[in-house]
């Protein structure tokens, strides 16, 4: 397993990840704010909209970061859902053509 992780770290694959965090409790707002602030303070490109947050960068480091930060968020909430969409390419500069 360790050699597989080392191999993954050598691969520089760009990715775009869309995240939505839904804490299942009454005091949900601060949990979302804290998570978004963590994303903003990361080394990755982050774009926010009212329904989701997109994060862009190298896939493996980004997934390691998200795994760590999602785990911390789950420890601070009673129950939480994370929705993720992953695209194999950096789409932060996408502009609609219509």
N, C-alpha and C. Protein backbone atom coordinates (compact mmCIF):
# COMPACT_ATOMS: atom_id res chain seq x y z
N UNK A 1 0.82 -1.20 0.00
CA UNK A 1 0.00 0.00 0.00
C UNK A 1 0.86 1.25 0.00
N UNK A 2 1.94 1.25 0.78
CA UNK A 2 2.82 2.42 0.85
C UNK A 2 3.43 2.72 -0.50
N UNK A 3 3.82 1.69 -1.26
CA UNK A 3 4.41 1.92 -2.58
C UNK A 3 3.37 2.48 -3.54
N UNK A 4 2.12 2.09 -3.40
CA UNK A 4 1.05 2.62 -4.23
C UNK A 4 0.86 4.11 -3.96
N UNK A 5 0.90 4.50 -2.70
CA UNK A 5 0.76 5.91 -2.32
C UNK A 5 1.94 6.71 -2.88
N UNK A 6 3.15 6.17 -2.82
CA UNK A 6 4.32 6.84 -3.38
C UNK A 6 4.16 7.03 -4.88
N UNK A 7 3.65 6.02 -5.55
CA UNK A 7 3.41 6.11 -6.99
C UNK A 7 2.39 7.20 -7.30
N UNK A 8 1.31 7.23 -6.56
CA UNK A 8 0.29 8.25 -6.77
C UNK A 8 0.85 9.66 -6.62
N UNK A 9 1.71 9.86 -5.63
CA UNK A 9 2.27 11.18 -5.38
C UNK A 9 3.16 11.65 -6.53
N UNK A 10 3.71 10.72 -7.31
CA UNK A 10 4.55 11.08 -8.45
C UNK A 10 3.71 11.53 -9.64
N UNK A 11 2.47 11.07 -9.70
CA UNK A 11 1.59 11.40 -10.81
C UNK A 11 1.01 12.79 -10.58
N UNK A 12 1.22 13.67 -11.54
CA UNK A 12 0.68 15.03 -11.45
C UNK A 12 -0.57 15.10 -12.31
N UNK A 13 -1.70 14.80 -11.71
CA UNK A 13 -2.96 14.83 -12.42
C UNK A 13 -3.81 15.95 -11.84
N UNK A 14 -4.23 16.85 -12.68
CA UNK A 14 -5.09 17.95 -12.26
C UNK A 14 -6.52 17.45 -12.09
N UNK A 15 -7.24 18.08 -11.16
CA UNK A 15 -8.63 17.70 -10.93
C UNK A 15 -9.44 18.92 -10.49
N UNK A 16 -10.72 18.82 -10.72
CA UNK A 16 -11.70 19.80 -10.25
C UNK A 16 -12.67 19.03 -9.37
N UNK A 17 -12.93 19.55 -8.18
CA UNK A 17 -13.83 18.87 -7.25
C UNK A 17 -14.88 19.86 -6.77
N UNK A 18 -16.14 19.47 -6.92
CA UNK A 18 -17.24 20.28 -6.41
C UNK A 18 -17.70 19.65 -5.10
N UNK A 19 -17.81 20.47 -4.07
CA UNK A 19 -18.19 19.99 -2.74
C UNK A 19 -19.45 20.71 -2.25
N UNK A 20 -20.30 19.96 -1.62
CA UNK A 20 -21.40 20.53 -0.86
C UNK A 20 -21.39 19.84 0.50
N UNK A 21 -21.39 20.65 1.56
CA UNK A 21 -21.41 20.13 2.92
C UNK A 21 -22.78 20.39 3.52
N UNK A 22 -23.40 19.36 4.08
CA UNK A 22 -24.73 19.48 4.68
C UNK A 22 -24.73 18.89 6.09
N UNK A 23 -24.42 19.70 7.10
CA UNK A 23 -24.53 19.19 8.48
C UNK A 23 -26.00 18.92 8.81
N UNK A 24 -26.27 17.80 9.42
CA UNK A 24 -27.65 17.40 9.75
C UNK A 24 -27.95 17.76 11.20
N UNK A 25 -27.94 19.06 11.46
CA UNK A 25 -28.23 19.55 12.81
C UNK A 25 -28.67 20.99 12.70
N UNK A 26 -29.28 21.50 13.76
CA UNK A 26 -29.84 22.85 13.75
C UNK A 26 -28.78 23.94 13.59
N UNK A 27 -27.64 23.78 14.21
CA UNK A 27 -26.60 24.82 14.15
C UNK A 27 -25.61 24.53 13.02
N UNK A 28 -26.14 24.41 11.82
CA UNK A 28 -25.33 23.99 10.67
C UNK A 28 -24.47 25.10 10.06
N UNK A 29 -24.91 26.35 10.15
CA UNK A 29 -24.24 27.43 9.41
C UNK A 29 -22.77 27.59 9.76
N UNK A 30 -22.43 27.61 11.04
CA UNK A 30 -21.04 27.84 11.43
C UNK A 30 -20.13 26.71 10.96
N UNK A 31 -20.65 25.50 10.93
CA UNK A 31 -19.85 24.37 10.45
C UNK A 31 -19.49 24.55 8.96
N UNK A 32 -20.45 25.02 8.18
CA UNK A 32 -20.21 25.27 6.76
C UNK A 32 -19.22 26.41 6.58
N UNK A 33 -19.40 27.48 7.32
CA UNK A 33 -18.51 28.65 7.25
C UNK A 33 -17.08 28.23 7.59
N UNK A 34 -16.92 27.48 8.67
CA UNK A 34 -15.58 27.03 9.08
C UNK A 34 -14.92 26.18 8.00
N UNK A 35 -15.68 25.28 7.39
CA UNK A 35 -15.12 24.41 6.36
C UNK A 35 -14.71 25.22 5.13
N UNK A 36 -15.55 26.16 4.71
CA UNK A 36 -15.21 26.99 3.55
C UNK A 36 -13.99 27.85 3.84
N UNK A 37 -13.86 28.37 5.04
CA UNK A 37 -12.67 29.16 5.40
C UNK A 37 -11.41 28.30 5.32
N UNK A 38 -11.51 27.05 5.72
CA UNK A 38 -10.38 26.13 5.62
C UNK A 38 -9.99 25.93 4.16
N UNK A 39 -11.00 25.75 3.29
CA UNK A 39 -10.72 25.61 1.86
C UNK A 39 -10.04 26.87 1.32
N UNK A 40 -10.56 28.03 1.70
CA UNK A 40 -9.99 29.30 1.23
C UNK A 40 -8.52 29.46 1.62
N UNK A 41 -8.16 28.96 2.79
CA UNK A 41 -6.79 29.10 3.29
C UNK A 41 -5.85 28.02 2.78
N UNK A 42 -6.32 27.18 1.89
CA UNK A 42 -5.48 26.10 1.35
C UNK A 42 -4.63 26.63 0.20
N UNK A 43 -3.78 25.78 -0.32
CA UNK A 43 -2.92 26.12 -1.46
C UNK A 43 -3.66 26.01 -2.79
N UNK A 44 -4.90 25.55 -2.76
CA UNK A 44 -5.65 25.26 -3.98
C UNK A 44 -6.51 26.44 -4.41
N UNK A 45 -6.88 26.45 -5.68
CA UNK A 45 -7.81 27.45 -6.21
C UNK A 45 -9.21 27.07 -5.74
N UNK A 46 -9.93 28.04 -5.18
CA UNK A 46 -11.28 27.79 -4.65
C UNK A 46 -12.23 28.81 -5.25
N UNK A 47 -13.35 28.34 -5.78
CA UNK A 47 -14.41 29.20 -6.29
C UNK A 47 -15.70 28.79 -5.60
N UNK A 48 -16.40 29.78 -5.07
CA UNK A 48 -17.63 29.51 -4.31
C UNK A 48 -18.86 30.03 -5.06
N UNK A 49 -19.97 29.37 -4.84
CA UNK A 49 -21.27 29.87 -5.27
C UNK A 49 -22.28 29.48 -4.19
N UNK A 50 -23.51 29.94 -4.28
CA UNK A 50 -24.47 29.66 -3.20
C UNK A 50 -24.79 28.17 -2.97
N UNK A 51 -24.55 27.32 -3.94
CA UNK A 51 -24.95 25.93 -3.81
C UNK A 51 -23.80 24.97 -3.55
N UNK A 52 -22.58 25.36 -3.90
CA UNK A 52 -21.44 24.45 -3.76
C UNK A 52 -20.15 25.26 -3.78
N UNK A 53 -19.06 24.58 -3.51
CA UNK A 53 -17.74 25.17 -3.57
C UNK A 53 -16.89 24.26 -4.46
N UNK A 54 -16.16 24.87 -5.37
CA UNK A 54 -15.27 24.12 -6.24
C UNK A 54 -13.84 24.36 -5.80
N UNK A 55 -13.04 23.30 -5.85
CA UNK A 55 -11.63 23.37 -5.50
C UNK A 55 -10.84 22.70 -6.63
N UNK A 56 -9.72 23.32 -7.01
CA UNK A 56 -8.96 22.90 -8.18
C UNK A 56 -7.49 22.75 -7.82
N UNK A 57 -6.84 21.73 -8.38
CA UNK A 57 -5.42 21.55 -8.15
C UNK A 57 -4.96 20.15 -8.51
N UNK A 58 -3.79 19.76 -8.00
CA UNK A 58 -3.27 18.41 -8.21
C UNK A 58 -4.11 17.43 -7.39
N UNK A 59 -4.55 16.38 -8.05
CA UNK A 59 -5.52 15.45 -7.47
C UNK A 59 -5.08 14.85 -6.14
N UNK A 60 -3.91 14.23 -6.08
CA UNK A 60 -3.51 13.50 -4.87
C UNK A 60 -3.35 14.44 -3.67
N UNK A 61 -2.60 15.55 -3.79
CA UNK A 61 -2.50 16.45 -2.63
C UNK A 61 -3.86 17.04 -2.23
N UNK A 62 -4.70 17.30 -3.22
CA UNK A 62 -6.02 17.87 -2.91
C UNK A 62 -6.88 16.85 -2.16
N UNK A 63 -6.84 15.58 -2.57
CA UNK A 63 -7.61 14.56 -1.88
C UNK A 63 -7.07 14.30 -0.48
N UNK A 64 -5.75 14.35 -0.31
CA UNK A 64 -5.18 14.22 1.04
C UNK A 64 -5.66 15.37 1.92
N UNK A 65 -5.63 16.58 1.40
CA UNK A 65 -6.11 17.75 2.14
C UNK A 65 -7.59 17.60 2.48
N UNK A 66 -8.41 17.25 1.49
CA UNK A 66 -9.85 17.12 1.73
C UNK A 66 -10.17 16.00 2.71
N UNK A 67 -9.46 14.89 2.62
CA UNK A 67 -9.68 13.78 3.56
C UNK A 67 -9.42 14.24 4.99
N UNK A 68 -8.32 14.94 5.18
CA UNK A 68 -7.97 15.43 6.52
C UNK A 68 -9.02 16.43 7.02
N UNK A 69 -9.36 17.40 6.19
CA UNK A 69 -10.28 18.46 6.63
C UNK A 69 -11.72 17.97 6.77
N UNK A 70 -12.14 17.06 5.91
CA UNK A 70 -13.48 16.49 6.07
C UNK A 70 -13.55 15.67 7.35
N UNK A 71 -12.49 14.93 7.66
CA UNK A 71 -12.45 14.17 8.91
C UNK A 71 -12.58 15.10 10.11
N UNK A 72 -11.84 16.20 10.11
CA UNK A 72 -11.94 17.16 11.22
C UNK A 72 -13.36 17.73 11.33
N UNK A 73 -13.97 18.04 10.20
CA UNK A 73 -15.34 18.55 10.21
C UNK A 73 -16.32 17.52 10.75
N UNK A 74 -16.13 16.27 10.37
CA UNK A 74 -17.03 15.22 10.86
C UNK A 74 -16.89 15.01 12.36
N UNK A 75 -15.69 15.22 12.90
CA UNK A 75 -15.49 15.10 14.34
C UNK A 75 -16.22 16.21 15.10
N UNK A 76 -16.46 17.35 14.45
CA UNK A 76 -17.08 18.51 15.11
C UNK A 76 -18.59 18.55 14.94
N UNK A 77 -19.16 17.65 14.16
CA UNK A 77 -20.60 17.65 13.92
C UNK A 77 -21.22 16.34 14.37
N UNK A 78 -22.52 16.39 14.63
CA UNK A 78 -23.24 15.18 15.03
C UNK A 78 -23.39 14.24 13.84
N UNK A 79 -23.79 14.82 12.72
CA UNK A 79 -23.94 14.07 11.47
C UNK A 79 -23.79 15.07 10.32
N UNK A 80 -23.12 14.65 9.27
CA UNK A 80 -22.88 15.55 8.15
C UNK A 80 -22.78 14.75 6.85
N UNK A 81 -23.31 15.33 5.79
CA UNK A 81 -23.20 14.75 4.46
C UNK A 81 -22.23 15.60 3.65
N UNK A 82 -21.36 14.96 2.90
CA UNK A 82 -20.51 15.63 1.93
C UNK A 82 -20.86 15.06 0.56
N UNK A 83 -21.19 15.94 -0.36
CA UNK A 83 -21.42 15.55 -1.74
C UNK A 83 -20.21 16.00 -2.53
N UNK A 84 -19.63 15.11 -3.33
CA UNK A 84 -18.45 15.44 -4.11
C UNK A 84 -18.64 15.00 -5.56
N UNK A 85 -18.21 15.87 -6.47
CA UNK A 85 -18.11 15.52 -7.89
C UNK A 85 -16.66 15.77 -8.26
N UNK A 86 -16.05 14.78 -8.91
CA UNK A 86 -14.64 14.89 -9.28
C UNK A 86 -14.52 14.79 -10.80
N UNK A 87 -13.78 15.74 -11.37
CA UNK A 87 -13.52 15.75 -12.81
C UNK A 87 -12.01 15.72 -13.01
N UNK A 88 -11.55 14.88 -13.90
CA UNK A 88 -10.12 14.76 -14.16
C UNK A 88 -9.67 15.85 -15.13
N UNK A 89 -9.54 17.05 -14.63
CA UNK A 89 -8.97 18.19 -15.32
C UNK A 89 -9.22 19.42 -14.46
N UNK A 90 -8.41 20.43 -14.63
CA UNK A 90 -8.60 21.69 -13.90
C UNK A 90 -9.51 22.56 -14.74
N UNK A 91 -10.73 22.78 -14.28
CA UNK A 91 -11.75 23.52 -15.03
C UNK A 91 -12.01 24.91 -14.44
N UNK A 92 -11.09 25.43 -13.63
CA UNK A 92 -11.36 26.70 -12.94
C UNK A 92 -11.56 27.86 -13.90
N UNK A 93 -11.03 27.77 -15.12
CA UNK A 93 -11.17 28.88 -16.06
C UNK A 93 -12.26 28.64 -17.10
N UNK A 94 -13.13 27.67 -16.87
CA UNK A 94 -14.22 27.36 -17.81
C UNK A 94 -15.16 28.55 -17.94
N UNK A 95 -15.51 28.87 -19.16
CA UNK A 95 -16.51 29.89 -19.44
C UNK A 95 -17.51 29.31 -20.41
N UNK A 96 -18.81 29.46 -20.13
CA UNK A 96 -19.83 28.94 -21.04
C UNK A 96 -19.68 29.59 -22.43
N UNK A 97 -19.96 28.82 -23.46
CA UNK A 97 -19.83 29.31 -24.83
C UNK A 97 -21.17 29.72 -25.42
N UNK A 98 -22.23 29.71 -24.63
CA UNK A 98 -23.56 30.08 -25.13
C UNK A 98 -24.15 31.20 -24.32
